[in-house]
C-alpha atoms as a PDB file:
ATOM      1  CA  MET A   1    -108.554-139.722-113.349  1.00  0.00           C
ATOM      2  CA  LYS A   2    -106.791-139.817-116.707  1.00  0.00           C
ATOM      3  CA  LYS A   3    -105.965-143.491-116.269  1.00  0.00           C
ATOM      4  CA  ASN A   4    -109.674-144.288-115.809  1.00  0.00           C
ATOM      5  CA  ASN A   5    -110.842-141.926-118.657  1.00  0.00           C
ATOM      6  CA  VAL A   6    -112.857-139.616-116.414  1.00  0.00           C
ATOM      7  CA  SER A   7    -114.731-137.126-118.677  1.00  0.00           C
ATOM      8  CA  HIS A   8    -116.375-134.856-116.142  1.00  0.00           C
ATOM      9  CA  VAL A   9    -115.725-134.013-112.481  1.00  0.00           C
ATOM     10  CA  VAL A  10    -118.857-132.821-110.658  1.00  0.00           C
ATOM     11  CA  TRP A  11    -117.600-131.011-107.610  1.00  0.00           C
ATOM     12  CA  LEU A  12    -118.165-128.552-104.740  1.00  0.00           C
ATOM     13  CA  PRO A  13    -115.204-126.486-103.581  1.00  0.00           C
ATOM     14  CA  ASP A  14    -113.539-127.496-100.381  1.00  0.00           C
ATOM     15  CA  SER A  15    -110.259-126.399 -98.787  1.00  0.00           C
ATOM     16  CA  GLU A  16    -109.009-129.996 -98.604  1.00  0.00           C
ATOM     17  CA  THR A  17    -109.438-130.639-102.379  1.00  0.00           C
ATOM     18  CA  ASN A  18    -108.251-127.307-103.824  1.00  0.00           C
ATOM     19  CA  PHE A  19    -104.987-128.893-104.853  1.00  0.00           C
ATOM     20  CA  LEU A  20    -106.931-131.376-106.997  1.00  0.00           C
ATOM     21  CA  TYR A  21    -108.854-128.446-108.543  1.00  0.00           C
ATOM     22  CA  ASN A  22    -105.599-126.778-109.562  1.00  0.00           C
ATOM     23  CA  MET A  23    -104.433-129.961-111.203  1.00  0.00           C
ATOM     24  CA  MET A  24    -107.745-130.587-112.976  1.00  0.00           C
ATOM     25  CA  MET A  25    -107.714-127.080-114.347  1.00  0.00           C
ATOM     26  CA  GLU A  26    -104.625-127.910-116.262  1.00  0.00           C
ATOM     27  CA  GLU A  27    -106.068-131.124-117.721  1.00  0.00           C
ATOM     28  CA  PRO A  28    -107.885-130.317-121.011  1.00  0.00           C
ATOM     29  CA  THR A  29    -109.638-133.770-121.199  1.00  0.00           C
ATOM     30  CA  ILE A  30    -111.557-133.189-117.966  1.00  0.00           C
ATOM     31  CA  ASP A  31    -114.718-130.996-117.910  1.00  0.00           C
ATOM     32  CA  LEU A  32    -115.294-129.409-114.462  1.00  0.00           C
ATOM     33  CA  VAL A  33    -118.972-129.060-113.470  1.00  0.00           C
ATOM     34  CA  PRO A  34    -119.315-126.895-110.259  1.00  0.00           C
ATOM     35  CA  VAL A  35    -122.498-127.138-108.309  1.00  0.00           C
ATOM     36  CA  CYS A  36    -124.153-125.319-105.340  1.00  0.00           C
ATOM     37  CA  ARG A  37    -124.613-128.200-102.907  1.00  0.00           C
ATOM     38  CA  GLU A  38    -123.473-131.782-102.489  1.00  0.00           C
ATOM     39  CA  GLY A  39    -126.816-133.367-103.357  1.00  0.00           C
ATOM     40  CA  GLU A  40    -126.658-131.930-106.859  1.00  0.00           C
ATOM     41  CA  THR A  41    -123.360-133.631-107.583  1.00  0.00           C
ATOM     42  CA  MET A  42    -124.892-137.156-107.607  1.00  0.00           C
ATOM     43  CA  ALA A  43    -127.853-135.953-109.752  1.00  0.00           C
ATOM     44  CA  VAL A  44    -125.654-134.288-112.367  1.00  0.00           C
ATOM     45  CA  ALA A  45    -123.373-137.291-112.431  1.00  0.00           C
ATOM     46  CA  ALA A  46    -126.377-139.609-112.907  1.00  0.00           C
ATOM     47  CA  GLY A  47    -127.398-137.621-115.960  1.00  0.00           C
ATOM     48  CA  LEU A  48    -123.925-137.653-117.349  1.00  0.00           C
ATOM     49  CA  TRP A  49    -123.675-141.412-116.864  1.00  0.00           C
ATOM     50  CA  VAL A  50    -127.035-142.008-118.589  1.00  0.00           C
ATOM     51  CA  GLY A  51    -125.820-139.794-121.433  1.00  0.00           C
ATOM     52  CA  GLY A  52    -122.763-141.978-121.973  1.00  0.00           C
ATOM     53  CA  ALA A  53    -120.150-139.931-120.114  1.00  0.00           C
ATOM     54  CA  ASN A  54    -117.792-141.223-117.466  1.00  0.00           C
ATOM     55  CA  PRO A  55    -118.236-138.752-114.469  1.00  0.00           C
ATOM     56  CA  MET A  56    -116.586-138.538-111.115  1.00  0.00           C
ATOM     57  CA  VAL A  57    -117.952-136.743-108.034  1.00  0.00           C
ATOM     58  CA  LEU A  58    -115.593-134.776-105.793  1.00  0.00           C
ATOM     59  CA  ILE A  59    -116.998-133.727-102.437  1.00  0.00           C
ATOM     60  CA  GLN A  60    -115.876-133.870 -98.827  1.00  0.00           C
ATOM     61  CA  ASN A  61    -116.707-136.807 -96.663  1.00  0.00           C
ATOM     62  CA  THR A  62    -119.453-135.018 -94.664  1.00  0.00           C
ATOM     63  CA  GLY A  63    -121.087-134.120 -97.961  1.00  0.00           C
ATOM     64  CA  ILE A  64    -122.121-137.673 -98.500  1.00  0.00           C
ATOM     65  CA  PHE A  65    -124.765-137.312 -95.804  1.00  0.00           C
ATOM     66  CA  GLU A  66    -126.223-134.268 -97.583  1.00  0.00           C
ATOM     67  CA  ALA A  67    -126.204-136.206-100.803  1.00  0.00           C
ATOM     68  CA  GLY A  68    -127.757-139.313 -99.279  1.00  0.00           C
ATOM     69  CA  ASP A  69    -131.153-138.817-100.856  1.00  0.00           C
ATOM     70  CA  SER A  70    -129.610-138.554-104.338  1.00  0.00           C
ATOM     71  CA  ILE A  71    -127.410-141.600-103.743  1.00  0.00           C
ATOM     72  CA  ARG A  72    -130.467-143.673-102.711  1.00  0.00           C
ATOM     73  CA  GLY A  73    -132.917-142.219-105.257  1.00  0.00           C
ATOM     74  CA  LEU A  74    -130.635-142.009-108.249  1.00  0.00           C
ATOM     75  CA  CYS A  75    -127.385-143.916-108.024  1.00  0.00           C
ATOM     76  CA  LEU A  76    -128.807-147.018-106.453  1.00  0.00           C
ATOM     77  CA  ASP A  77    -132.160-147.024-108.337  1.00  0.00           C
ATOM     78  CA  LEU A  78    -130.317-146.529-111.688  1.00  0.00           C
ATOM     79  CA  ASN A  79    -127.691-149.107-110.735  1.00  0.00           C
ATOM     80  CA  GLN A  80    -125.052-146.400-111.388  1.00  0.00           C
ATOM     81  CA  PRO A  81    -121.533-147.435-110.364  1.00  0.00           C
ATOM     82  CA  LEU A  82    -120.675-145.891-106.980  1.00  0.00           C
ATOM     83  CA  GLU A  83    -117.060-146.260-105.982  1.00  0.00           C
ATOM     84  CA  GLN A  84    -115.338-144.223-103.272  1.00  0.00           C
ATOM     85  CA  ILE A  85    -111.643-143.444-103.450  1.00  0.00           C
ATOM     86  CA  PRO A  86    -110.284-145.029-100.267  1.00  0.00           C
ATOM     87  CA  MET A  87    -107.886-143.123 -98.048  1.00  0.00           C
ATOM     88  CA  ILE A  88    -106.847-143.332 -94.434  1.00  0.00           C
ATOM     89  CA  ASN A  89    -107.505-140.593 -91.961  1.00  0.00           C
ATOM     90  CA  ASN A  90    -104.147-139.162 -90.632  1.00  0.00           C
ATOM     91  CA  THR A  91    -105.059-139.583 -86.961  1.00  0.00           C
ATOM     92  CA  ASP A  92    -106.365-143.086 -87.479  1.00  0.00           C
ATOM     93  CA  ALA A  93    -103.087-144.077 -89.208  1.00  0.00           C
ATOM     94  CA  VAL A  94    -100.855-142.854 -86.372  1.00  0.00           C
ATOM     95  CA  ARG A  95    -103.147-144.475 -83.838  1.00  0.00           C
ATOM     96  CA  VAL A  96    -102.742-147.891 -85.441  1.00  0.00           C
ATOM     97  CA  ILE A  97     -98.990-147.427 -85.450  1.00  0.00           C
ATOM     98  CA  ASP A  98     -98.907-146.234 -81.873  1.00  0.00           C
ATOM     99  CA  THR A  99    -101.173-149.016 -80.661  1.00  0.00           C
ATOM    100  CA  ASN A 100     -98.614-151.569 -82.062  1.00  0.00           C
ATOM    101  CA  ARG A 101     -95.476-149.754 -81.006  1.00  0.00           C
ATOM    102  CA  GLU A 102     -94.572-151.653 -77.808  1.00  0.00           C
ATOM    103  CA  ASP A 103     -91.203-149.998 -76.871  1.00  0.00           C
ATOM    104  CA  ALA A 104     -90.392-148.574 -80.339  1.00  0.00           C
ATOM    105  CA  VAL A 105     -89.040-145.088 -80.815  1.00  0.00           C
ATOM    106  CA  ILE A 106     -91.295-143.094 -83.193  1.00  0.00           C
ATOM    107  CA  ILE A 107     -89.896-140.249 -85.219  1.00  0.00           C
ATOM    108  CA  PRO A 108     -92.746-138.328 -86.905  1.00  0.00           C
ATOM    109  CA  THR A 109     -92.389-135.417 -89.276  1.00  0.00           C
ATOM    110  CA  MET A 110     -94.837-133.037 -90.997  1.00  0.00           C
ATOM    111  CA  ASN A 111     -98.537-134.131 -90.710  1.00  0.00           C
ATOM    112  CA  ALA A 112     -97.706-137.350 -88.853  1.00  0.00           C
ATOM    113  CA  GLY A 113     -96.345-135.197 -86.051  1.00  0.00           C
ATOM    114  CA  ASN A 114     -98.966-132.452 -86.164  1.00  0.00           C
ATOM    115  CA  VAL A 115    -100.162-131.416 -82.677  1.00  0.00           C
ATOM    116  CA  ARG A 116    -103.805-131.318 -83.830  1.00  0.00           C
ATOM    117  CA  PHE A 117    -104.154-134.619 -85.704  1.00  0.00           C
ATOM    118  CA  GLY A 118    -100.850-136.419 -85.591  1.00  0.00           C
ATOM    119  CA  LEU A 119     -98.912-138.607 -83.106  1.00  0.00           C
ATOM    120  CA  PRO A 120     -99.133-136.046 -80.229  1.00  0.00           C
ATOM    121  CA  VAL A 121    -102.894-136.597 -80.166  1.00  0.00           C
ATOM    122  CA  VAL A 122    -102.718-140.399 -79.637  1.00  0.00           C
ATOM    123  CA  SER A 123     -99.228-141.214 -78.308  1.00  0.00           C
ATOM    124  CA  THR A 124     -99.124-143.707 -75.472  1.00  0.00           C
ATOM    125  CA  ASN A 125     -95.440-143.115 -74.753  1.00  0.00           C
ATOM    126  CA  GLN A 126     -94.334-139.590 -75.419  1.00  0.00           C
ATOM    127  CA  ASN A 127     -90.946-140.173 -73.844  1.00  0.00           C
ATOM    128  CA  LEU A 128     -90.082-142.302 -76.906  1.00  0.00           C
ATOM    129  CA  ASP A 129     -91.461-139.782 -79.458  1.00  0.00           C
ATOM    130  CA  LEU A 130     -88.875-137.649 -81.292  1.00  0.00           C
ATOM    131  CA  PRO A 131     -90.716-135.280 -83.658  1.00  0.00           C
ATOM    132  CA  ILE A 132     -88.665-133.699 -86.522  1.00  0.00           C
ATOM    133  CA  SER A 133     -90.202-130.459 -87.863  1.00  0.00           C
ATOM    134  CA  GLY A 134     -87.300-128.122 -88.557  1.00  0.00           C
ATOM    135  CA  ALA A 135     -85.273-130.315 -90.944  1.00  0.00           C
ATOM    136  CA  MET A 136     -87.619-131.389 -93.747  1.00  0.00           C
ATOM    137  CA  GLY A 137     -86.596-134.614 -95.314  1.00  0.00           C
ATOM    138  CA  LYS A 138     -84.227-135.683 -92.505  1.00  0.00           C
ATOM    139  CA  ALA A 139     -86.566-137.734 -90.262  1.00  0.00           C
ATOM    140  CA  SER A 140     -85.425-141.027 -91.860  1.00  0.00           C
ATOM    141  CA  ASN A 141     -81.735-140.022 -91.399  1.00  0.00           C
ATOM    142  CA  VAL A 142     -82.390-139.453 -87.709  1.00  0.00           C
ATOM    143  CA  GLY A 143     -84.282-142.700 -87.516  1.00  0.00           C
ATOM    144  CA  LEU A 144     -81.365-144.542 -89.154  1.00  0.00           C
ATOM    145  CA  GLY A 145     -79.020-143.198 -86.472  1.00  0.00           C
ATOM    146  CA  VAL A 146     -81.324-144.278 -83.700  1.00  0.00           C
ATOM    147  CA  ALA A 147     -81.815-147.741 -85.202  1.00  0.00           C
ATOM    148  CA  LEU A 148     -78.038-148.305 -85.467  1.00  0.00           C
ATOM    149  CA  ALA A 149     -77.498-147.099 -81.931  1.00  0.00           C
ATOM    150  CA  GLN A 150     -80.364-149.231 -80.562  1.00  0.00           C
ATOM    151  CA  PRO A 151     -80.285-152.456 -82.633  1.00  0.00           C
ATOM    152  CA  GLY A 152     -82.530-154.235 -80.096  1.00  0.00           C
ATOM    153  CA  ARG A 153     -85.355-151.765 -80.378  1.00  0.00           C
ATOM    154  CA  LYS A 154     -87.733-151.057 -83.255  1.00  0.00           C
ATOM    155  CA  VAL A 155     -87.580-147.589 -84.780  1.00  0.00           C
ATOM    156  CA  PHE A 156     -90.560-146.181 -86.663  1.00  0.00           C
ATOM    157  CA  VAL A 157     -90.138-143.212 -88.985  1.00  0.00           C
ATOM    158  CA  LEU A 158     -93.368-141.505 -89.934  1.00  0.00           C
ATOM    159  CA  ASP A 159     -92.484-139.612 -93.108  1.00  0.00           C
ATOM    160  CA  GLY A 160     -94.290-137.446 -95.621  1.00  0.00           C
ATOM    161  CA  ASP A 161     -94.161-137.802 -99.382  1.00  0.00           C
ATOM    162  CA  GLY A 162     -93.137-134.167 -99.854  1.00  0.00           C
ATOM    163  CA  SER A 163     -90.424-134.597 -97.197  1.00  0.00           C
ATOM    164  CA  LEU A 164     -89.047-137.766 -98.748  1.00  0.00           C
ATOM    165  CA  LEU A 165     -88.854-136.170-102.166  1.00  0.00           C
ATOM    166  CA  MET A 166     -86.490-133.659-100.737  1.00  0.00           C
ATOM    167  CA  ASN A 167     -84.125-136.435 -99.621  1.00  0.00           C
ATOM    168  CA  LEU A 168     -84.530-139.460-101.819  1.00  0.00           C
ATOM    169  CA  GLY A 169     -81.009-140.410-101.212  1.00  0.00           C
ATOM    170  CA  SER A 170     -81.935-141.327 -97.679  1.00  0.00           C
ATOM    171  CA  LEU A 171     -83.620-144.491 -98.989  1.00  0.00           C
ATOM    172  CA  VAL A 172     -80.249-145.749-100.383  1.00  0.00           C
ATOM    173  CA  THR A 173     -78.435-144.626 -97.280  1.00  0.00           C
ATOM    174  CA  THR A 174     -80.777-146.653 -95.132  1.00  0.00           C
ATOM    175  CA  SER A 175     -80.636-149.734 -97.367  1.00  0.00           C
ATOM    176  CA  THR A 176     -76.833-149.652 -97.439  1.00  0.00           C
ATOM    177  CA  LYS A 177     -76.718-150.099 -93.657  1.00  0.00           C
ATOM    178  CA  ALA A 178     -79.831-152.281 -93.721  1.00  0.00           C
ATOM    179  CA  PRO A 179     -80.887-152.073 -90.062  1.00  0.00           C
ATOM    180  CA  LYS A 180     -83.283-154.944 -89.285  1.00  0.00           C
ATOM    181  CA  ASN A 181     -85.150-152.808 -86.739  1.00  0.00           C
ATOM    182  CA  PHE A 182     -85.979-149.860 -89.091  1.00  0.00           C
ATOM    183  CA  TYR A 183     -89.624-149.312 -90.212  1.00  0.00           C
ATOM    184  CA  HIS A 184     -90.295-146.439 -92.646  1.00  0.00           C
ATOM    185  CA  PHE A 185     -93.978-145.347 -92.897  1.00  0.00           C
ATOM    186  CA  LEU A 186     -94.730-142.966 -95.762  1.00  0.00           C
ATOM    187  CA  PHE A 187     -97.825-140.787 -95.221  1.00  0.00           C
ATOM    188  CA  ASN A 188     -98.700-140.176 -98.919  1.00  0.00           C
ATOM    189  CA  ASN A 189    -101.251-137.379 -99.281  1.00  0.00           C
ATOM    190  CA  GLY A 190     -99.967-135.908-102.533  1.00  0.00           C
ATOM    191  CA  VAL A 191     -99.547-132.436-101.246  1.00  0.00           C
ATOM    192  CA  TYR A 192     -97.272-130.061 -99.268  1.00  0.00           C
ATOM    193  CA  ALA A 193     -99.914-129.885 -96.539  1.00  0.00           C
ATOM    194  CA  VAL A 194     -98.190-127.520 -94.109  1.00  0.00           C
ATOM    195  CA  THR A 195     -97.738-124.805 -96.763  1.00  0.00           C
ATOM    196  CA  GLY A 196    -101.380-124.699 -98.083  1.00  0.00           C
ATOM    197  CA  GLY A 197    -101.843-127.980-100.085  1.00  0.00           C
ATOM    198  CA  GLN A 198     -99.763-127.362-103.190  1.00  0.00           C
ATOM    199  CA  PRO A 199     -99.478-130.662-105.171  1.00  0.00           C
ATOM    200  CA  ILE A 200     -96.095-132.330-104.962  1.00  0.00           C
ATOM    201  CA  PRO A 201     -94.250-133.499-108.049  1.00  0.00           C
ATOM    202  CA  GLY A 202     -95.413-136.999-108.965  1.00  0.00           C
ATOM    203  CA  SER A 203     -98.759-136.637-107.235  1.00  0.00           C
ATOM    204  CA  ASP A 204    -100.539-137.312-110.522  1.00  0.00           C
ATOM    205  CA  GLY A 205     -99.620-140.963-110.178  1.00  0.00           C
ATOM    206  CA  VAL A 206     -96.427-141.004-112.170  1.00  0.00           C
ATOM    207  CA  THR A 207     -94.353-141.877-109.093  1.00  0.00           C
ATOM    208  CA  ASN A 208     -94.643-145.461-107.749  1.00  0.00           C
ATOM    209  CA  TRP A 209     -93.307-145.268-104.163  1.00  0.00           C
ATOM    210  CA  GLU A 210     -93.337-148.998-103.693  1.00  0.00           C
ATOM    211  CA  GLU A 211     -91.001-149.486-106.684  1.00  0.00           C
ATOM    212  CA  VAL A 212     -88.867-146.595-105.542  1.00  0.00           C
ATOM    213  CA  ALA A 213     -88.376-148.262-102.162  1.00  0.00           C
ATOM    214  CA  ARG A 214     -87.712-151.704-103.724  1.00  0.00           C
ATOM    215  CA  GLY A 215     -85.218-150.153-106.164  1.00  0.00           C
ATOM    216  CA  ALA A 216     -83.434-148.482-103.334  1.00  0.00           C
ATOM    217  CA  GLY A 217     -83.021-151.784-101.597  1.00  0.00           C
ATOM    218  CA  TYR A 218     -85.575-152.004 -98.812  1.00  0.00           C
ATOM    219  CA  ALA A 219     -86.002-155.601 -97.614  1.00  0.00           C
ATOM    220  CA  ALA A 220     -89.814-155.500 -97.518  1.00  0.00           C
ATOM    221  CA  VAL A 221     -92.360-153.168 -98.975  1.00  0.00           C
ATOM    222  CA  PHE A 222     -96.136-152.804 -98.108  1.00  0.00           C
ATOM    223  CA  SER A 223     -98.881-150.483 -99.199  1.00  0.00           C
ATOM    224  CA  PHE A 224    -102.304-149.732 -97.736  1.00  0.00           C
ATOM    225  CA  ASP A 225    -105.114-147.399 -98.873  1.00  0.00           C
ATOM    226  CA  ASN A 226    -107.789-148.063 -96.228  1.00  0.00           C
ATOM    227  CA  LEU A 227    -107.935-148.320 -92.496  1.00  0.00           C
ATOM    228  CA  GLU A 228    -109.329-151.861 -92.260  1.00  0.00           C
ATOM    229  CA  ASP A 229    -106.547-153.404 -94.306  1.00  0.00           C
ATOM    230  CA  PHE A 230    -103.906-151.401 -92.526  1.00  0.00           C
ATOM    231  CA  THR A 231    -105.254-152.386 -89.087  1.00  0.00           C
ATOM    232  CA  THR A 232    -105.218-156.044 -90.124  1.00  0.00           C
ATOM    233  CA  GLY A 233    -101.890-155.895 -91.964  1.00  0.00           C
ATOM    234  CA  ILE A 234     -99.686-153.998 -89.589  1.00  0.00           C
ATOM    235  CA  GLY A 235     -98.778-157.184 -87.766  1.00  0.00           C
ATOM    236  CA  GLU A 236     -97.273-158.533 -90.969  1.00  0.00           C
ATOM    237  CA  VAL A 237     -95.411-155.227 -91.500  1.00  0.00           C
ATOM    238  CA  LEU A 238     -93.860-155.272 -88.056  1.00  0.00           C
ATOM    239  CA  ALA A 239     -93.052-158.981 -88.309  1.00  0.00           C
ATOM    240  CA  ALA A 240     -90.962-158.368 -91.415  1.00  0.00           C
ATOM    241  CA  GLU A 241     -87.200-157.921 -91.173  1.00  0.00           C
ATOM    242  CA  GLY A 242     -86.048-154.391 -91.865  1.00  0.00           C
ATOM    243  CA  PRO A 243     -85.497-152.090 -93.426  1.00  0.00           C
ATOM    244  CA  VAL A 244     -89.153-152.086 -94.092  1.00  0.00           C
ATOM    245  CA  PHE A 245     -91.104-149.458 -96.187  1.00  0.00           C
ATOM    246  CA  CYS A 246     -94.870-149.024 -95.767  1.00  0.00           C
ATOM    247  CA  GLN A 247     -96.840-146.601 -97.899  1.00  0.00           C
ATOM    248  CA  LEU A 248    -100.136-145.258 -96.482  1.00  0.00           C
ATOM    249  CA  SER A 249    -102.529-143.348 -98.722  1.00  0.00           C
ATOM    250  CA  VAL A 250    -103.834-140.778 -96.302  1.00  0.00           C
ATOM    251  CA  GLU A 251    -106.334-137.937 -96.554  1.00  0.00           C
ATOM    252  CA  PRO A 252    -104.737-134.505 -96.962  1.00  0.00           C
ATOM    253  CA  GLU A 253    -104.940-132.472 -93.725  1.00  0.00           C
ATOM    254  CA  ILE A 254    -104.126-128.986 -95.081  1.00  0.00           C
ATOM    255  CA  GLU A 255    -102.823-126.173 -92.921  1.00  0.00           C
ATOM    256  CA  ASN A 256    -104.453-122.910 -94.164  1.00  0.00           C
ATOM    257  CA  THR A 257    -104.093-121.067 -90.848  1.00  0.00           C
ATOM    258  CA  PRO A 258    -101.354-118.359 -90.919  1.00  0.00           C
ATOM    259  CA  VAL A 259     -98.191-119.678 -89.304  1.00  0.00           C
ATOM    260  CA  GLN A 260     -98.313-117.183 -86.432  1.00  0.00           C
ATOM    261  CA  PHE A 261    -101.755-118.461 -85.447  1.00  0.00           C
ATOM    262  CA  ARG A 262    -101.227-122.233 -85.609  1.00  0.00           C
ATOM    263  CA  VAL A 263    -101.434-124.390 -82.560  1.00  0.00           C
ATOM    264  CA  ARG A 264     -97.993-125.099 -81.156  1.00  0.00           C
ATOM    265  CA  GLY A 265     -96.897-128.179 -79.341  1.00  0.00           C
ATOM    266  CA  THR A 266     -96.177-128.106 -75.624  1.00  0.00           C
ATOM    267  CA  ARG A 267     -92.891-129.989 -76.077  1.00  0.00           C
ATOM    268  CA  SER A 268     -89.868-128.199 -77.491  1.00  0.00           C
ATOM    269  CA  ALA A 269     -87.404-130.045 -79.711  1.00  0.00           C
ATOM    270  CA  GLN A 270     -84.813-129.856 -77.045  1.00  0.00           C
ATOM    271  CA  GLN A 271     -87.214-131.270 -74.442  1.00  0.00           C
ATOM    272  CA  ALA A 272     -88.133-134.159 -76.761  1.00  0.00           C
ATOM    273  CA  TYR A 273     -84.487-134.932 -77.359  1.00  0.00           C
ATOM    274  CA  GLN A 274     -83.737-134.948 -73.663  1.00  0.00           C
ATOM    275  CA  GLU A 275     -86.741-137.133 -72.791  1.00  0.00           C
ATOM    276  CA  VAL A 276     -85.986-139.745 -75.487  1.00  0.00           C
ATOM    277  CA  THR A 277     -82.286-139.803 -74.578  1.00  0.00           C
ATOM    278  CA  ALA A 278     -83.105-140.357 -70.959  1.00  0.00           C
ATOM    279  CA  ALA A 279     -85.675-143.048 -71.720  1.00  0.00           C
ATOM    280  CA  LEU A 280     -83.232-144.963 -73.917  1.00  0.00           C
ATOM    281  CA  ALA A 281     -80.416-144.649 -71.317  1.00  0.00           C
ATOM    282  CA  GLY A 282     -82.694-145.846 -68.610  1.00  0.00           C
ATOM    283  CA  ASP A 283     -83.748-148.933 -70.528  1.00  0.00           C
ATOM    284  CA  ASN A 284     -80.096-150.010 -71.212  1.00  0.00           C
END
C-alpha cells in the first residue's frame, strides 16, 4: 500500500483481513474509512478518486457480489481503475501440486496440511503424504532427508512463510547438499494463520523470498500470485533440476476456533510415518 501511495482504505471488517487492519492502524499515512456494507466501499472509493485521492477497497471475495451494482454503476461508468490483488486459494494450490505429483512424497506443514482446506482434502496418494505439524520450521529438513534417501523420487515440501522464518538456515542446509529431486513450495500468506492471523515479520513487503532463496543457493526459483499462472507454470517448475524454490501468494486461511474445538485429522503422525515408510520400502 505504501509503495503505491494508497491514501485511504475503504473497508468492511472480516476475520480474514484483521491482520491487515492491525498493520494499517500503525501506518499514519493511510486513512481508514469503515463502512456498513460492501456496496458502500465502491461508492466511497469512487468519490475519493474523483476528489484526487488514491483509495483502495478491502473486502472479502464474496463481498464483490454485494458490491456488484456499485462496480457497474460507478467504477465502470466513471472509468475508475479497478484492480484486484491476486492470490491463490490454499486448497486450489495444493490441488495443483497433488495433481502433478506422480509418485512424489509430499511433506506439508501448517495451512498446507490443514485437514479442512489443505492436502488431506485433495490428496490422491495419502500413503506418500507425511504431514509435519508438531515441529514448526522443520518440514524442509525432513524433506531433505527423504530426498537424500530416495534420490530417484521427487520430494515436495509445502512450507509456510511463518514456519520458514523460524528456520531460515534450512535453506542453506538444503542448498549445501543440493538434491536434484527437492522441490520447496512456500505458501506465503503473510500471517501466523494457525494462531489467529498475527502478521509475520517482513509481511509488509520488506522480505523478498525469491532473493532469499537465490542467495541461499537454490538452483531454480519461481513465484506465482494467481491460480491460472501456477496451473500453467507448474510443469516448468517440476522440470527444473533441484533444489527448486517456488513461492505461492496464497489467501490467508485463519484459524480462530479455539484449539480444543478444531477439526482433527484421522491420521496420527505415527500412522503417517508408518504408511510412508511402508510405501517407500514397497517401491524399492
